[in-house]
PDB file of all heavy atoms in Angstrom:
ATOM      1  N   PRO A   1      -7.850  12.632  47.005  1.00  0.00           N
ATOM      2  CA  PRO A   1      -9.028  12.028  46.369  1.00  0.00           C
ATOM      3  C   PRO A   1     -10.289  12.835  46.648  1.00  0.00           C
ATOM      4  O   PRO A   1     -10.454  13.402  47.726  1.00  0.00           O
ATOM      5  CB  PRO A   1      -9.111  10.648  47.031  1.00  0.00           C
ATOM      6  CG  PRO A   1      -8.419  10.811  48.351  1.00  0.00           C
ATOM      7  CD  PRO A   1      -7.340  11.824  48.133  1.00  0.00           C
ATOM      8  N   ALA A   2     -11.175  12.901  45.658  1.00  0.00           N
ATOM      9  CA  ALA A   2     -12.433  13.634  45.799  1.00  0.00           C
ATOM     10  C   ALA A   2     -13.537  12.759  46.360  1.00  0.00           C
ATOM     11  O   ALA A   2     -14.593  13.268  46.752  1.00  0.00           O
ATOM     12  CB  ALA A   2     -12.867  14.197  44.442  1.00  0.00           C
ATOM     13  N   ASN A   3     -13.287  11.444  46.378  1.00  0.00           N
ATOM     14  CA  ASN A   3     -14.331  10.537  46.869  1.00  0.00           C
ATOM     15  C   ASN A   3     -13.760   9.149  47.111  1.00  0.00           C
ATOM     16  O   ASN A   3     -12.670   8.813  46.638  1.00  0.00           O
ATOM     17  CB  ASN A   3     -15.471  10.425  45.855  1.00  0.00           C
ATOM     18  CG  ASN A   3     -15.006   9.833  44.537  1.00  0.00           C
ATOM     19  OD1 ASN A   3     -14.571  10.561  43.640  1.00  0.00           O
ATOM     20  ND2 ASN A   3     -15.056   8.511  44.411  1.00  0.00           N
ATOM     21  N   PHE A   4     -14.514   8.384  47.879  1.00  0.00           N
ATOM     22  CA  PHE A   4     -14.342   6.931  47.960  1.00  0.00           C
ATOM     23  C   PHE A   4     -15.493   6.351  47.164  1.00  0.00           C
ATOM     24  O   PHE A   4     -16.657   6.687  47.419  1.00  0.00           O
ATOM     25  CB  PHE A   4     -14.413   6.483  49.431  1.00  0.00           C
ATOM     26  CG  PHE A   4     -14.501   4.985  49.614  1.00  0.00           C
ATOM     27  CD1 PHE A   4     -13.376   4.246  49.890  1.00  0.00           C
ATOM     28  CD2 PHE A   4     -15.725   4.322  49.517  1.00  0.00           C
ATOM     29  CE1 PHE A   4     -13.445   2.868  50.074  1.00  0.00           C
ATOM     30  CE2 PHE A   4     -15.809   2.947  49.697  1.00  0.00           C
ATOM     31  CZ  PHE A   4     -14.662   2.222  49.975  1.00  0.00           C
ATOM     32  N   CYS A   5     -15.202   5.493  46.191  1.00  0.00           N
ATOM     33  CA  CYS A   5     -16.288   4.887  45.414  1.00  0.00           C
ATOM     34  C   CYS A   5     -15.930   3.453  45.064  1.00  0.00           C
ATOM     35  O   CYS A   5     -14.987   3.202  44.311  1.00  0.00           O
ATOM     36  CB  CYS A   5     -16.565   5.681  44.137  1.00  0.00           C
ATOM     37  SG  CYS A   5     -17.925   4.977  43.160  1.00  0.00           S
ATOM     38  N   ASP A   6     -16.688   2.527  45.659  1.00  0.00           N
ATOM     39  CA  ASP A   6     -16.531   1.101  45.387  1.00  0.00           C
ATOM     40  C   ASP A   6     -17.787   0.626  44.664  1.00  0.00           C
ATOM     41  O   ASP A   6     -18.874   0.619  45.243  1.00  0.00           O
ATOM     42  CB  ASP A   6     -16.337   0.358  46.715  1.00  0.00           C
ATOM     43  CG  ASP A   6     -16.411  -1.160  46.570  1.00  0.00           C
ATOM     44  OD1 ASP A   6     -16.293  -1.652  45.429  1.00  0.00           O
ATOM     45  OD2 ASP A   6     -16.590  -1.846  47.592  1.00  0.00           O
ATOM     46  N   VAL A   7     -17.627   0.254  43.383  1.00  0.00           N
ATOM     47  CA  VAL A   7     -18.795  -0.171  42.605  1.00  0.00           C
ATOM     48  C   VAL A   7     -19.185  -1.615  42.915  1.00  0.00           C
ATOM     49  O   VAL A   7     -20.242  -2.077  42.486  1.00  0.00           O
ATOM     50  CB  VAL A   7     -18.571  -0.009  41.079  1.00  0.00           C
ATOM     51  CG1 VAL A   7     -18.376   1.448  40.725  1.00  0.00           C
ATOM     52  CG2 VAL A   7     -17.403  -0.862  40.598  1.00  0.00           C
ATOM     53  N   GLY A   8     -18.342  -2.326  43.661  1.00  0.00           N
ATOM     54  CA  GLY A   8     -18.676  -3.686  44.049  1.00  0.00           C
ATOM     55  C   GLY A   8     -18.275  -4.717  43.006  1.00  0.00           C
ATOM     56  O   GLY A   8     -17.716  -4.391  41.961  1.00  0.00           O
ATOM     57  N   GLY A   9     -18.572  -5.960  43.305  1.00  0.00           N
ATOM     58  CA  GLY A   9     -18.123  -7.044  42.446  1.00  0.00           C
ATOM     59  C   GLY A   9     -19.070  -7.417  41.338  1.00  0.00           C
ATOM     60  O   GLY A   9     -18.662  -7.952  40.314  1.00  0.00           O
ATOM     61  N   GLY A  10     -20.356  -7.144  41.507  1.00  0.00           N
ATOM     62  CA  GLY A  10     -21.328  -7.583  40.517  1.00  0.00           C
ATOM     63  C   GLY A  10     -22.089  -6.448  39.872  1.00  0.00           C
ATOM     64  O   GLY A  10     -23.275  -6.583  39.549  1.00  0.00           O
ATOM     65  N   ALA A  11     -21.429  -5.314  39.665  1.00  0.00           N
ATOM     66  CA  ALA A  11     -22.110  -4.125  39.135  1.00  0.00           C
ATOM     67  C   ALA A  11     -22.502  -4.313  37.673  1.00  0.00           C
ATOM     68  O   ALA A  11     -21.782  -4.929  36.896  1.00  0.00           O
ATOM     69  CB  ALA A  11     -21.211  -2.906  39.272  1.00  0.00           C
ATOM     70  N   SER A  12     -23.656  -3.746  37.326  1.00  0.00           N
ATOM     71  CA  SER A  12     -24.107  -3.755  35.937  1.00  0.00           C
ATOM     72  C   SER A  12     -23.533  -2.549  35.200  1.00  0.00           C
ATOM     73  O   SER A  12     -22.973  -1.636  35.812  1.00  0.00           O
ATOM     74  CB  SER A  12     -25.633  -3.695  35.893  1.00  0.00           C
ATOM     75  OG  SER A  12     -26.085  -2.462  36.450  1.00  0.00           O
ATOM     76  N   LYS A  13     -23.708  -2.557  33.886  1.00  0.00           N
ATOM     77  CA  LYS A  13     -23.291  -1.417  33.064  1.00  0.00           C
ATOM     78  C   LYS A  13     -23.974  -0.146  33.547  1.00  0.00           C
ATOM     79  O   LYS A  13     -23.353   0.926  33.643  1.00  0.00           O
ATOM     80  CB  LYS A  13     -23.647  -1.699  31.600  1.00  0.00           C
ATOM     81  CG  LYS A  13     -23.544  -0.498  30.678  1.00  0.00           C
ATOM     82  CD  LYS A  13     -24.079  -0.846  29.284  1.00  0.00           C
ATOM     83  CE  LYS A  13     -24.257   0.403  28.432  1.00  0.00           C
ATOM     84  NZ  LYS A  13     -24.823   0.079  27.094  1.00  0.00           N
ATOM     85  N   GLU A  14     -25.258  -0.246  33.896  1.00  0.00           N
ATOM     86  CA  GLU A  14     -26.023   0.923  34.336  1.00  0.00           C
ATOM     87  C   GLU A  14     -25.511   1.451  35.674  1.00  0.00           C
ATOM     88  O   GLU A  14     -25.435   2.663  35.893  1.00  0.00           O
ATOM     89  CB  GLU A  14     -27.506   0.562  34.458  1.00  0.00           C
ATOM     90  CG  GLU A  14     -28.207   0.287  33.142  1.00  0.00           C
ATOM     91  CD  GLU A  14     -27.850  -1.063  32.532  1.00  0.00           C
ATOM     92  OE1 GLU A  14     -27.356  -1.951  33.268  1.00  0.00           O
ATOM     93  OE2 GLU A  14     -28.056  -1.244  31.314  1.00  0.00           O
ATOM     94  N   LYS A  15     -25.146   0.543  36.563  1.00  0.00           N
ATOM     95  CA  LYS A  15     -24.632   0.953  37.874  1.00  0.00           C
ATOM     96  C   LYS A  15     -23.278   1.636  37.728  1.00  0.00           C
ATOM     97  O   LYS A  15     -23.007   2.649  38.393  1.00  0.00           O
ATOM     98  CB  LYS A  15     -24.511  -0.278  38.781  1.00  0.00           C
ATOM     99  CG  LYS A  15     -24.131   0.029  40.219  1.00  0.00           C
ATOM    100  CD  LYS A  15     -24.193  -1.237  41.068  1.00  0.00           C
ATOM    101  CE  LYS A  15     -23.814  -0.974  42.512  1.00  0.00           C
ATOM    102  NZ  LYS A  15     -23.921  -2.202  43.349  1.00  0.00           N
ATOM    103  N   VAL A  16     -22.428   1.112  36.863  1.00  0.00           N
ATOM    104  CA  VAL A  16     -21.123   1.733  36.609  1.00  0.00           C
ATOM    105  C   VAL A  16     -21.315   3.123  36.011  1.00  0.00           C
ATOM    106  O   VAL A  16     -20.642   4.091  36.406  1.00  0.00           O
ATOM    107  CB  VAL A  16     -20.279   0.846  35.667  1.00  0.00           C
ATOM    108  CG1 VAL A  16     -19.013   1.582  35.227  1.00  0.00           C
ATOM    109  CG2 VAL A  16     -19.919  -0.466  36.343  1.00  0.00           C
ATOM    110  N   ALA A  17     -22.250   3.241  35.071  1.00  0.00           N
ATOM    111  CA  ALA A  17     -22.521   4.543  34.458  1.00  0.00           C
ATOM    112  C   ALA A  17     -23.024   5.540  35.502  1.00  0.00           C
ATOM    113  O   ALA A  17     -22.628   6.713  35.502  1.00  0.00           O
ATOM    114  CB  ALA A  17     -23.544   4.389  33.333  1.00  0.00           C
ATOM    115  N   ALA A  18     -23.889   5.060  36.395  1.00  0.00           N
ATOM    116  CA  ALA A  18     -24.402   5.933  37.460  1.00  0.00           C
ATOM    117  C   ALA A  18     -23.270   6.415  38.356  1.00  0.00           C
ATOM    118  O   ALA A  18     -23.209   7.599  38.730  1.00  0.00           O
ATOM    119  CB  ALA A  18     -25.456   5.195  38.281  1.00  0.00           C
ATOM    120  N   ALA A  19     -22.356   5.519  38.713  1.00  0.00           N
ATOM    121  CA  ALA A  19     -21.214   5.891  39.553  1.00  0.00           C
ATOM    122  C   ALA A  19     -20.358   6.944  38.867  1.00  0.00           C
ATOM    123  O   ALA A  19     -19.933   7.932  39.489  1.00  0.00           O
ATOM    124  CB  ALA A  19     -20.378   4.655  39.874  1.00  0.00           C
ATOM    125  N   PHE A  20     -20.114   6.740  37.582  1.00  0.00           N
ATOM    126  CA  PHE A  20     -19.280   7.683  36.833  1.00  0.00           C
ATOM    127  C   PHE A  20     -19.944   9.061  36.766  1.00  0.00           C
ATOM    128  O   PHE A  20     -19.288  10.099  36.933  1.00  0.00           O
ATOM    129  CB  PHE A  20     -19.032   7.155  35.419  1.00  0.00           C
ATOM    130  CG  PHE A  20     -17.910   7.854  34.703  1.00  0.00           C
ATOM    131  CD1 PHE A  20     -16.598   7.450  34.891  1.00  0.00           C
ATOM    132  CD2 PHE A  20     -18.161   8.926  33.856  1.00  0.00           C
ATOM    133  CE1 PHE A  20     -15.553   8.102  34.239  1.00  0.00           C
ATOM    134  CE2 PHE A  20     -17.128   9.577  33.206  1.00  0.00           C
ATOM    135  CZ  PHE A  20     -15.823   9.167  33.389  1.00  0.00           C
ATOM    136  N   LYS A  21     -21.255   9.081  36.569  1.00  0.00           N
ATOM    137  CA  LYS A  21     -21.975  10.362  36.490  1.00  0.00           C
ATOM    138  C   LYS A  21     -21.981  11.081  37.837  1.00  0.00           C
ATOM    139  O   LYS A  21     -21.894  12.313  37.902  1.00  0.00           O
ATOM    140  CB  LYS A  21     -23.403  10.133  35.984  1.00  0.00           C
ATOM    141  CG  LYS A  21     -23.464   9.831  34.488  1.00  0.00           C
ATOM    142  CD  LYS A  21     -24.886   9.795  33.964  1.00  0.00           C
ATOM    143  CE  LYS A  21     -25.557   8.482  34.265  1.00  0.00           C
ATOM    144  NZ  LYS A  21     -26.883   8.374  33.609  1.00  0.00           N
ATOM    145  N   ILE A  22     -22.081  10.323  38.932  1.00  0.00           N
ATOM    146  CA  ILE A  22     -22.040  10.938  40.264  1.00  0.00           C
ATOM    147  C   ILE A  22     -20.682  11.591  40.487  1.00  0.00           C
ATOM    148  O   ILE A  22     -20.589  12.707  41.007  1.00  0.00           O
ATOM    149  CB  ILE A  22     -22.325   9.878  41.358  1.00  0.00           C
ATOM    150  CG1 ILE A  22     -23.795   9.446  41.291  1.00  0.00           C
ATOM    151  CG2 ILE A  22     -22.001  10.423  42.745  1.00  0.00           C
ATOM    152  CD1 ILE A  22     -24.107   8.211  42.113  1.00  0.00           C
ATOM    153  N   ILE A  23     -19.615  10.909  40.078  1.00  0.00           N
ATOM    154  CA  ILE A  23     -18.261  11.452  40.251  1.00  0.00           C
ATOM    155  C   ILE A  23     -18.074  12.712  39.411  1.00  0.00           C
ATOM    156  O   ILE A  23     -17.550  13.723  39.900  1.00  0.00           O
ATOM    157  CB  ILE A  23     -17.211  10.385  39.872  1.00  0.00           C
ATOM    158  CG1 ILE A  23     -17.250   9.234  40.888  1.00  0.00           C
ATOM    159  CG2 ILE A  23     -15.812  10.997  39.820  1.00  0.00           C
ATOM    160  CD1 ILE A  23     -16.445   8.013  40.461  1.00  0.00           C
ATOM    161  N   THR A  24     -18.517  12.686  38.158  1.00  0.00           N
ATOM    162  CA  THR A  24     -18.321  13.844  37.284  1.00  0.00           C
ATOM    163  C   THR A  24     -19.206  15.024  37.677  1.00  0.00           C
ATOM    164  O   THR A  24     -18.919  16.167  37.310  1.00  0.00           O
ATOM    165  CB  THR A  24     -18.601  13.483  35.808  1.00  0.00           C
ATOM    166  OG1 THR A  24     -19.937  12.956  35.695  1.00  0.00           O
ATOM    167  CG2 THR A  24     -17.614  12.454  35.306  1.00  0.00           C
ATOM    168  N   ALA A  25     -20.273  14.764  38.432  1.00  0.00           N
ATOM    169  CA  ALA A  25     -21.156  15.854  38.856  1.00  0.00           C
ATOM    170  C   ALA A  25     -20.536  16.714  39.951  1.00  0.00           C
ATOM    171  O   ALA A  25     -21.029  17.808  40.239  1.00  0.00           O
ATOM    172  CB  ALA A  25     -22.490  15.284  39.344  1.00  0.00           C
ATOM    173  N   ASP A  26     -19.466  16.233  40.567  1.00  0.00           N
ATOM    174  CA  ASP A  26     -18.791  16.987  41.626  1.00  0.00           C
ATOM    175  C   ASP A  26     -17.943  18.081  40.989  1.00  0.00           C
ATOM    176  O   ASP A  26     -16.977  17.784  40.267  1.00  0.00           O
ATOM    177  CB  ASP A  26     -17.907  16.034  42.441  1.00  0.00           C
ATOM    178  CG  ASP A  26     -17.248  16.711  43.632  1.00  0.00           C
ATOM    179  OD1 ASP A  26     -17.290  17.961  43.710  1.00  0.00           O
ATOM    180  OD2 ASP A  26     -16.681  15.999  44.485  1.00  0.00           O
ATOM    181  N   PRO A  27     -18.262  19.358  41.215  1.00  0.00           N
ATOM    182  CA  PRO A  27     -17.506  20.450  40.566  1.00  0.00           C
ATOM    183  C   PRO A  27     -16.041  20.512  40.995  1.00  0.00           C
ATOM    184  O   PRO A  27     -15.219  21.127  40.299  1.00  0.00           O
ATOM    185  CB  PRO A  27     -18.264  21.712  41.005  1.00  0.00           C
ATOM    186  CG  PRO A  27     -19.016  21.318  42.237  1.00  0.00           C
ATOM    187  CD  PRO A  27     -19.341  19.873  42.066  1.00  0.00           C
ATOM    188  N   ALA A  28     -15.707  19.871  42.118  1.00  0.00           N
ATOM    189  CA  ALA A  28     -14.315  19.895  42.588  1.00  0.00           C
ATOM    190  C   ALA A  28     -13.428  18.925  41.819  1.00  0.00           C
ATOM    191  O   ALA A  28     -12.195  19.043  41.851  1.00  0.00           O
ATOM    192  CB  ALA A  28     -14.262  19.571  44.077  1.00  0.00           C
TER     193      ALA A  28
END
């Protein structure tokens, strides 16, 4: 795995999008 990422139970659409962008920003 390249990361541990828990978006939590009450995440908004914007928070999920932010998490996805952080993951894709990792060149590995």
